[in-house]
Amino acid sequence: MSSLLDMDSNILVSIVNMKLRDFYDSLDQYCEDADIDKDELIKKLSKVGYEYNTQLNQFK
């Protein structure tokens, strides 16, 4: 769903973290299910200071 990647990064991180917290055990699982390019998501969120933490399963 490329429209997610077009969102404002701060809104996007909130949505992604909520999905990861409530429905998915990993970023890989979420990206596959939502048809999102994982590398593009990580790149977009890293531009505004967020990094994915695998132990917490969220962007911080």
N, C-alpha and C. Protein backbone atom coordinates (compact mmCIF):
# COMPACT_ATOMS: atom_id res chain seq x y z
N MET A 1 0.85 -1.18 0.00
CA MET A 1 0.00 0.00 0.00
C MET A 1 0.89 1.24 0.00
N SER A 2 1.22 1.71 -1.17
CA SER A 2 2.15 2.83 -1.29
C SER A 2 1.58 4.13 -0.73
N SER A 3 0.27 4.25 -0.61
CA SER A 3 -0.30 5.48 -0.06
C SER A 3 0.15 5.71 1.38
N LEU A 4 0.44 4.65 2.10
CA LEU A 4 0.98 4.82 3.45
C LEU A 4 2.33 5.51 3.40
N LEU A 5 3.15 5.15 2.43
CA LEU A 5 4.47 5.75 2.33
C LEU A 5 4.42 7.20 1.89
N ASP A 6 3.27 7.64 1.38
CA ASP A 6 3.10 9.04 0.98
C ASP A 6 2.65 9.92 2.14
N MET A 7 2.31 9.32 3.27
CA MET A 7 1.82 10.07 4.43
C MET A 7 2.93 10.88 5.09
N ASP A 8 2.52 11.84 5.88
CA ASP A 8 3.43 12.55 6.76
C ASP A 8 4.13 11.52 7.65
N SER A 9 5.44 11.65 7.81
CA SER A 9 6.23 10.66 8.55
C SER A 9 5.78 10.50 9.99
N ASN A 10 5.37 11.57 10.65
CA ASN A 10 4.96 11.47 12.05
C ASN A 10 3.64 10.73 12.20
N ILE A 11 2.75 10.90 11.26
CA ILE A 11 1.50 10.13 11.28
C ILE A 11 1.79 8.68 10.93
N LEU A 12 2.65 8.48 9.95
CA LEU A 12 3.01 7.13 9.51
C LEU A 12 3.61 6.32 10.65
N VAL A 13 4.54 6.89 11.40
CA VAL A 13 5.18 6.14 12.48
C VAL A 13 4.16 5.76 13.55
N SER A 14 3.20 6.62 13.79
CA SER A 14 2.16 6.32 14.77
C SER A 14 1.31 5.13 14.31
N ILE A 15 0.93 5.13 13.05
CA ILE A 15 0.12 4.04 12.50
C ILE A 15 0.90 2.73 12.50
N VAL A 16 2.14 2.78 12.03
CA VAL A 16 2.96 1.57 11.94
C VAL A 16 3.20 0.99 13.33
N ASN A 17 3.55 1.83 14.30
CA ASN A 17 3.79 1.33 15.65
C ASN A 17 2.53 0.72 16.27
N MET A 18 1.39 1.31 15.99
CA MET A 18 0.14 0.75 16.49
C MET A 18 -0.12 -0.62 15.87
N LYS A 19 0.10 -0.74 14.57
CA LYS A 19 -0.10 -2.03 13.89
C LYS A 19 0.87 -3.08 14.44
N LEU A 20 2.14 -2.68 14.62
CA LEU A 20 3.14 -3.60 15.14
C LEU A 20 2.77 -4.05 16.56
N ARG A 21 2.34 -3.13 17.37
CA ARG A 21 1.98 -3.43 18.76
C ARG A 21 0.77 -4.36 18.84
N ASP A 22 -0.24 -4.08 18.04
CA ASP A 22 -1.52 -4.77 18.18
C ASP A 22 -1.69 -6.03 17.33
N PHE A 23 -0.96 -6.12 16.22
CA PHE A 23 -1.27 -7.19 15.27
C PHE A 23 -0.08 -8.01 14.76
N TYR A 24 1.14 -7.50 14.85
CA TYR A 24 2.26 -8.16 14.18
C TYR A 24 3.44 -8.39 15.13
N ASP A 25 4.12 -9.52 14.92
CA ASP A 25 5.28 -9.86 15.73
C ASP A 25 6.58 -9.30 15.17
N SER A 26 6.54 -8.80 13.95
CA SER A 26 7.77 -8.26 13.35
C SER A 26 7.44 -7.26 12.24
N LEU A 27 8.41 -6.44 11.92
CA LEU A 27 8.25 -5.49 10.82
C LEU A 27 8.12 -6.23 9.50
N ASP A 28 8.87 -7.30 9.34
CA ASP A 28 8.78 -8.10 8.11
C ASP A 28 7.36 -8.61 7.89
N GLN A 29 6.77 -9.12 8.94
CA GLN A 29 5.40 -9.65 8.85
C GLN A 29 4.41 -8.55 8.47
N TYR A 30 4.54 -7.40 9.10
CA TYR A 30 3.64 -6.28 8.79
C TYR A 30 3.81 -5.82 7.34
N CYS A 31 5.04 -5.62 6.92
CA CYS A 31 5.29 -5.12 5.56
C CYS A 31 4.79 -6.10 4.51
N GLU A 32 4.99 -7.37 4.75
CA GLU A 32 4.50 -8.37 3.80
C GLU A 32 2.97 -8.34 3.72
N ASP A 33 2.33 -8.29 4.85
CA ASP A 33 0.87 -8.30 4.89
C ASP A 33 0.27 -7.03 4.30
N ALA A 34 0.92 -5.89 4.55
CA ALA A 34 0.41 -4.60 4.08
C ALA A 34 0.94 -4.24 2.69
N ASP A 35 1.78 -5.12 2.11
CA ASP A 35 2.37 -4.88 0.79
C ASP A 35 3.14 -3.56 0.76
N ILE A 36 4.01 -3.39 1.75
CA ILE A 36 4.85 -2.19 1.87
C ILE A 36 6.30 -2.61 1.70
N ASP A 37 7.06 -1.81 0.97
CA ASP A 37 8.49 -2.05 0.81
C ASP A 37 9.17 -1.69 2.13
N LYS A 38 9.69 -2.70 2.81
CA LYS A 38 10.30 -2.50 4.13
C LYS A 38 11.45 -1.50 4.08
N ASP A 39 12.30 -1.61 3.08
CA ASP A 39 13.45 -0.71 2.97
C ASP A 39 13.01 0.74 2.77
N GLU A 40 11.97 0.94 1.98
CA GLU A 40 11.45 2.29 1.76
C GLU A 40 10.86 2.86 3.05
N LEU A 41 10.16 2.04 3.79
CA LEU A 41 9.58 2.47 5.06
C LEU A 41 10.68 2.87 6.05
N ILE A 42 11.68 2.03 6.18
CA ILE A 42 12.79 2.32 7.09
C ILE A 42 13.51 3.60 6.66
N LYS A 43 13.73 3.75 5.37
CA LYS A 43 14.41 4.94 4.84
C LYS A 43 13.61 6.20 5.13
N LYS A 44 12.31 6.16 4.87
CA LYS A 44 11.45 7.33 5.09
C LYS A 44 11.46 7.75 6.56
N LEU A 45 11.32 6.78 7.45
CA LEU A 45 11.24 7.11 8.87
C LEU A 45 12.61 7.49 9.45
N SER A 46 13.67 6.96 8.88
CA SER A 46 15.01 7.34 9.37
C SER A 46 15.34 8.79 9.03
N LYS A 47 14.73 9.32 7.97
CA LYS A 47 14.96 10.72 7.60
C LYS A 47 14.45 11.69 8.65
N VAL A 48 13.50 11.25 9.47
CA VAL A 48 12.97 12.11 10.53
C VAL A 48 13.36 11.60 11.92
N GLY A 49 14.38 10.76 11.96
CA GLY A 49 14.97 10.37 13.23
C GLY A 49 14.47 9.09 13.87
N TYR A 50 13.65 8.32 13.18
CA TYR A 50 13.14 7.07 13.75
C TYR A 50 13.95 5.88 13.25
N GLU A 51 14.25 4.95 14.16
CA GLU A 51 14.90 3.70 13.79
C GLU A 51 14.09 2.55 14.34
N TYR A 52 14.06 1.46 13.58
CA TYR A 52 13.31 0.29 14.02
C TYR A 52 14.11 -0.48 15.06
N ASN A 53 13.48 -0.77 16.19
CA ASN A 53 14.09 -1.55 17.26
C ASN A 53 13.43 -2.93 17.23
N THR A 54 14.21 -3.95 16.86
CA THR A 54 13.65 -5.29 16.73
C THR A 54 13.21 -5.87 18.07
N GLN A 55 13.91 -5.55 19.14
CA GLN A 55 13.54 -6.09 20.45
C GLN A 55 12.21 -5.53 20.94
N LEU A 56 11.97 -4.25 20.67
CA LEU A 56 10.72 -3.61 21.08
C LEU A 56 9.63 -3.76 20.02
N ASN A 57 10.04 -4.12 18.80
CA ASN A 57 9.14 -4.23 17.66
C ASN A 57 8.40 -2.91 17.42
N GLN A 58 9.18 -1.83 17.38
CA GLN A 58 8.61 -0.52 17.10
C GLN A 58 9.69 0.44 16.65
N PHE A 59 9.24 1.52 16.04
CA PHE A 59 10.15 2.59 15.66
C PHE A 59 10.27 3.54 16.83
N LYS A 60 11.49 3.93 17.14
CA LYS A 60 11.77 4.87 18.23
C LYS A 60 12.60 6.01 17.71
